[in-house]
Protein backbone atom coordinates (compact mmCIF):
# COMPACT_ATOMS: atom_id res chain seq x y z
CA MET A 1 -0.14 -0.15 0.32
CA ASN A 2 0.95 3.33 -1.16
CA ILE A 3 0.64 5.65 2.08
CA VAL A 4 1.20 8.92 2.52
CA VAL A 5 1.33 11.13 5.65
CA LEU A 6 0.27 14.87 5.55
CA VAL A 7 3.08 16.51 8.65
CA LYS A 8 4.00 20.50 8.98
CA GLN A 9 6.38 22.57 10.91
CA VAL A 10 4.55 24.39 13.43
CA PRO A 11 5.82 26.19 15.94
CA ASP A 12 6.20 24.87 19.93
CA SER A 13 3.07 25.03 20.92
CA GLY A 14 4.74 24.66 25.02
CA ALA A 15 6.56 28.45 24.10
CA ASP A 16 5.13 31.38 23.76
CA ARG A 17 3.83 32.65 19.65
CA ASN A 18 4.07 35.59 17.89
CA LEU A 19 2.30 36.44 15.13
CA ARG A 20 4.10 38.89 12.62
CA ASN A 21 3.76 42.37 13.06
CA ASP A 22 4.51 43.37 9.11
CA ASP A 23 1.22 40.76 7.71
CA ASN A 24 -0.04 39.08 10.33
CA THR A 25 0.80 35.39 9.40
CA VAL A 26 2.21 33.15 12.77
CA ASP A 27 6.11 34.46 12.93
CA ARG A 28 7.76 31.21 12.53
CA GLY A 29 11.40 32.67 12.06
CA SER A 30 11.78 33.10 16.07
CA ALA A 31 9.99 30.15 16.95
CA ASN A 32 10.80 26.98 18.09
CA ASN A 33 9.79 24.61 15.61
CA VAL A 34 8.48 21.44 16.03
CA ILE A 35 6.71 18.19 13.44
CA ASN A 36 2.63 19.50 14.08
CA GLU A 37 1.69 16.70 17.65
CA MET A 38 -1.01 15.24 16.35
CA ASP A 39 0.84 14.58 12.81
CA GLU A 40 2.82 11.98 14.62
CA TYR A 41 0.58 10.07 15.55
CA ALA A 42 -0.54 9.46 11.77
CA ILE A 43 3.27 8.56 11.26
CA GLU A 44 3.19 6.05 13.50
CA GLU A 45 -0.07 4.93 12.39
CA ALA A 46 1.34 4.03 8.46
CA LEU A 47 4.03 2.81 10.06
CA LYS A 48 2.13 0.68 11.38
CA ILE A 49 -0.14 -0.18 8.49
CA LYS A 50 3.33 -1.12 6.78
CA GLU A 51 4.10 -3.17 9.05
CA ALA A 52 1.03 -5.65 8.46
CA HIS A 53 0.51 -5.41 5.43
CA GLY A 54 3.87 -4.24 3.13
CA GLY A 55 4.15 -1.86 1.16
CA GLU A 56 5.41 1.92 1.52
CA VAL A 57 5.56 5.50 3.15
CA THR A 58 6.08 8.85 1.94
CA ILE A 59 6.12 12.24 4.03
CA LEU A 60 4.29 14.95 1.73
CA THR A 61 5.36 18.83 4.01
CA MET A 62 4.42 22.59 2.48
CA GLY A 63 6.21 24.85 4.22
CA PRO A 64 9.53 26.74 3.74
CA ASP A 65 13.56 25.70 3.60
CA ARG A 66 13.38 25.24 7.88
CA ALA A 67 10.61 22.40 7.72
CA THR A 68 13.62 20.40 6.31
CA GLU A 69 14.39 19.93 9.82
CA SER A 70 10.83 18.68 11.09
CA ILE A 71 10.89 16.20 7.98
CA ARG A 72 14.24 14.62 8.93
CA LYS A 73 12.53 14.26 12.20
CA ALA A 74 9.39 12.70 10.64
CA LEU A 75 11.65 10.32 8.03
CA SER A 76 13.85 9.50 11.37
CA MET A 77 10.75 7.54 12.98
CA GLY A 78 10.50 4.84 10.05
CA PRO A 79 8.89 6.22 7.14
CA ASP A 80 10.86 5.28 3.43
CA LYS A 81 11.34 9.16 1.79
CA ALA A 82 9.41 12.69 1.94
CA VAL A 83 8.70 15.19 -0.96
CA HIS A 84 8.42 18.75 0.44
CA VAL A 85 6.59 21.36 -1.36
CA LEU A 86 8.93 24.73 -1.45
CA ASP A 87 8.28 27.69 -3.31
CA ASP A 88 8.48 31.39 -1.90
CA ALA A 89 4.86 32.57 -2.97
CA LEU A 90 3.21 29.49 -1.03
CA HIS A 91 4.36 32.50 1.90
CA GLY A 92 0.57 33.43 3.20
CA SER A 93 -1.57 31.22 1.89
CA CYS A 94 -5.06 30.40 3.57
CA ALA A 95 -6.28 27.05 3.71
CA VAL A 96 -8.13 26.79 0.37
CA ALA A 97 -4.78 27.61 -1.16
CA THR A 98 -3.29 25.18 0.66
CA SER A 99 -5.43 21.77 0.13
CA LYS A 100 -4.92 23.22 -3.62
CA VAL A 101 -1.24 22.79 -3.31
CA LEU A 102 -0.90 19.43 -1.24
CA ALA A 103 -3.86 17.83 -3.40
CA ALA A 104 -1.66 18.11 -6.63
CA ALA A 105 0.72 17.17 -5.05
CA LEU A 106 -0.58 14.19 -3.61
CA GLY A 107 -2.37 13.60 -7.62
CA GLN A 108 1.81 13.19 -8.40
CA LEU A 109 1.79 10.93 -5.92
CA ASN A 110 -0.75 8.18 -6.26
CA ALA A 111 -1.19 7.11 -3.39
CA ASP A 112 -3.41 4.40 -1.58
CA LEU A 113 -4.08 6.25 1.65
CA VAL A 114 -3.55 9.91 3.44
CA ILE A 115 -3.67 10.30 6.62
CA CYS A 116 -2.69 13.29 8.28
CA GLY A 117 -3.58 15.32 12.32
CA ALA A 118 -6.78 15.33 12.82
CA GLU A 119 -5.66 20.07 13.53
CA SER A 120 -2.74 21.55 13.42
CA THR A 121 -1.89 23.17 16.99
CA ASP A 122 -1.12 26.62 15.08
CA GLY A 123 -4.86 26.77 12.55
CA ARG A 124 -6.71 24.31 14.67
CA VAL A 125 -9.55 24.55 11.98
CA GLN A 126 -9.59 20.77 10.97
CA VAL A 127 -9.81 21.43 7.98
CA MET A 128 -7.57 20.44 5.49
CA PRO A 129 -8.54 16.16 5.88
CA HIS A 130 -12.18 17.17 3.83
CA MET A 131 -11.09 19.89 1.96
CA ILE A 132 -7.96 17.64 -0.11
CA ALA A 133 -10.45 15.10 -0.21
CA GLU A 134 -12.75 16.48 -2.15
CA ARG A 135 -10.33 17.50 -5.22
CA LEU A 136 -9.33 14.42 -5.35
CA GLY A 137 -12.72 13.10 -5.65
CA VAL A 138 -11.76 10.46 -2.15
CA ALA A 139 -13.84 9.09 1.32
CA ALA A 140 -12.63 11.38 3.66
CA LEU A 141 -12.50 9.30 7.22
CA THR A 142 -12.21 12.05 9.61
CA GLY A 143 -11.50 11.95 13.59
CA ALA A 144 -10.68 8.35 13.91
CA ARG A 145 -9.77 6.93 17.29
CA LYS A 146 -8.80 2.72 16.12
CA LEU A 147 -8.33 2.70 11.70
CA THR A 148 -8.42 -1.15 10.18
CA VAL A 149 -7.47 -1.88 7.06
CA ASP A 150 -8.41 -4.91 4.66
CA GLY A 151 -7.42 -4.98 1.89
CA ALA A 152 -8.96 -2.20 -0.05
CA THR A 153 -11.69 -1.68 2.53
CA LEU A 154 -10.79 0.68 4.97
CA THR A 155 -13.34 1.37 8.28
CA VAL A 156 -12.98 3.31 11.62
CA GLU A 157 -14.13 4.56 15.06
CA ARG A 158 -14.56 8.14 14.68
CA GLN A 159 -14.07 9.41 17.88
CA THR A 160 -17.34 12.19 18.77
CA GLU A 161 -18.07 13.79 22.16
CA GLU A 162 -20.67 11.27 22.45
CA GLY A 163 -18.73 8.40 22.24
CA TYR A 164 -17.71 6.79 18.67
CA GLU A 165 -19.04 6.30 15.07
CA VAL A 166 -18.39 3.16 13.10
CA VAL A 167 -17.78 4.70 9.60
CA THR A 168 -16.31 2.51 6.55
CA ALA A 169 -14.56 3.41 2.41
CA SER A 170 -11.73 1.99 0.28
CA THR A 171 -8.97 3.43 -1.02
CA PRO A 172 -7.65 6.29 -2.30
CA ALA A 173 -8.91 7.97 0.83
CA VAL A 174 -8.00 10.76 2.91
CA VAL A 175 -8.09 9.78 7.17
CA SER A 176 -7.04 12.24 10.03
CA VAL A 177 -6.61 11.19 13.03
CA TRP A 178 -6.85 11.74 17.18
CA ASP A 179 -3.90 11.62 19.51
CA THR A 180 -6.30 8.61 21.10
CA ILE A 181 -5.67 6.63 18.48
CA ASN A 182 -2.32 4.82 19.25
CA GLU A 183 1.01 6.03 20.57
CA PRO A 184 4.11 7.83 18.45
CA ARG A 185 7.31 5.42 18.60
CA TYR A 186 10.55 7.39 19.40
CA PRO A 187 13.34 7.96 16.38
CA SER A 188 16.08 5.57 16.80
CA PHE A 189 20.12 6.32 16.73
CA LYS A 190 19.38 4.12 14.49
CA GLY A 191 16.80 6.35 12.68
CA ILE A 192 18.48 9.28 13.05
CA MET A 193 21.21 8.63 11.06
CA ALA A 194 19.40 6.87 8.12
CA ALA A 195 17.01 9.33 7.96
CA LYS A 196 20.46 11.23 6.64
CA LYS A 197 19.74 9.27 3.96
CA LYS A 198 16.83 8.83 2.69
CA PRO A 199 15.54 10.76 -0.82
CA VAL A 200 13.79 14.15 0.42
CA GLN A 201 12.46 15.09 -3.54
CA THR A 202 11.37 19.05 -3.61
CA PHE A 203 7.98 19.96 -5.44
CA SER A 204 7.48 23.72 -6.75
CA LEU A 205 4.35 25.82 -7.54
CA ALA A 206 6.18 25.19 -11.02
CA ASP A 207 6.23 21.13 -10.82
CA LEU A 208 2.58 21.32 -9.53
CA GLY A 209 1.58 23.08 -12.69
CA VAL A 210 -0.39 25.72 -9.66
CA ALA A 211 -0.03 29.21 -10.83
CA PRO A 212 1.44 32.11 -7.41
CA THR A 213 -1.77 34.44 -8.45
CA GLU A 214 -3.25 30.54 -7.14
CA VAL A 215 -1.48 30.65 -3.68
CA GLY A 216 -0.06 33.28 -0.89
CA PHE A 217 -1.58 36.29 -0.16
CA ASP A 218 -3.15 37.12 -3.79
CA GLY A 219 -5.16 34.18 -3.81
CA ALA A 220 -5.92 34.21 -0.19
CA THR A 221 -10.26 33.61 1.05
CA SER A 222 -9.08 35.10 3.86
CA ALA A 223 -6.48 37.24 5.89
CA VAL A 224 -5.83 38.96 9.48
CA VAL A 225 -6.87 41.82 9.01
CA GLU A 226 -4.90 42.70 12.71
CA HIS A 227 -3.99 41.16 16.00
CA THR A 228 -2.60 42.15 19.79
CA LYS A 229 -1.20 40.36 22.80
CA ARG A 230 -3.57 38.76 24.77
CA PRO A 231 -3.77 40.77 28.12
CA PRO A 232 -2.71 40.09 31.72
CA ARG A 233 -4.47 37.68 33.45
CA SER A 234 -5.27 40.53 37.02
CA GLY A 235 -5.25 38.95 40.50
CA GLY A 236 -9.37 38.37 39.66
CA ALA A 237 -11.98 39.64 42.64
CA LYS A 238 -12.23 38.40 46.15
CA ILE A 239 -15.24 38.06 48.12
CA THR A 240 -14.88 38.40 51.68
CA ASP A 241 -18.16 36.79 53.25
CA GLU A 242 -19.58 38.32 55.89
CA GLY A 243 -23.22 36.62 56.10
CA GLU A 244 -23.38 38.24 51.88
CA GLY A 245 -21.63 36.23 50.04
CA GLY A 246 -23.84 33.97 48.12
CA VAL A 247 -25.33 37.04 46.87
CA LYS A 248 -22.12 38.97 45.88
CA LEU A 249 -20.95 35.52 44.11
CA VAL A 250 -24.06 35.35 42.28
CA GLU A 251 -23.87 39.80 41.02
CA PHE A 252 -20.27 39.18 40.24
CA LEU A 253 -21.54 36.39 38.03
CA ALA A 254 -24.46 38.10 36.99
CA THR A 255 -22.17 40.94 35.89
CA GLU A 256 -20.03 39.01 34.55
CA LYS A 257 -22.67 37.37 32.32
CA PHE A 258 -22.37 33.66 33.74
CA VAL A 259 -26.15 33.42 35.02
């Protein structure tokens, strides 16, 4: 089975994250950038399928030069090769444009199965798997907490707030996963050394047949108009109970529109 895993490099969610003042995009240049956490679960699931059914696992990333660091980290976990969509015109692309580029790359990779994280920690919009599946004309099995492969048939347990739904589809398909699906492996020293020699193919927009005017700020369907830093947390309000504590509490909650 030919499996492609979508991997995004994002600013570390455990550190401060900022937007650039010049164009209101995520400031990746000064951030500690890592693999999107949910994508590590997608990589692990792809490797488990390969170990059980054979095939090949390819990492697909769209991003600037520095994304190569995350590509090598992903390869050190065990995938066979990677594809890096790299073009200066991509800066400022919205989700719609990003899905167009990724779908164009996937069209050249002939994937039987595309696996990705359910969301990214920088955008958190959860729309990419649906958009890519629509562009490719294949099924989207999203929010999986379990994935079973039986020949060309895929079955997932789709995680919901009430429990889960069982959904099936045939390959080719796009599957997005939550962090409940498995436990990602740590790269071994052997894997880290091997990753340095694994092939990484680079695609430009021209290679994919996508015009620069369709991506970036020119092709964006949405934009951040302005932004401000989150205000510091205040010390809060202290209520001294002198017999009317309950009344004061309700009054405070009413002021904050909780009741």
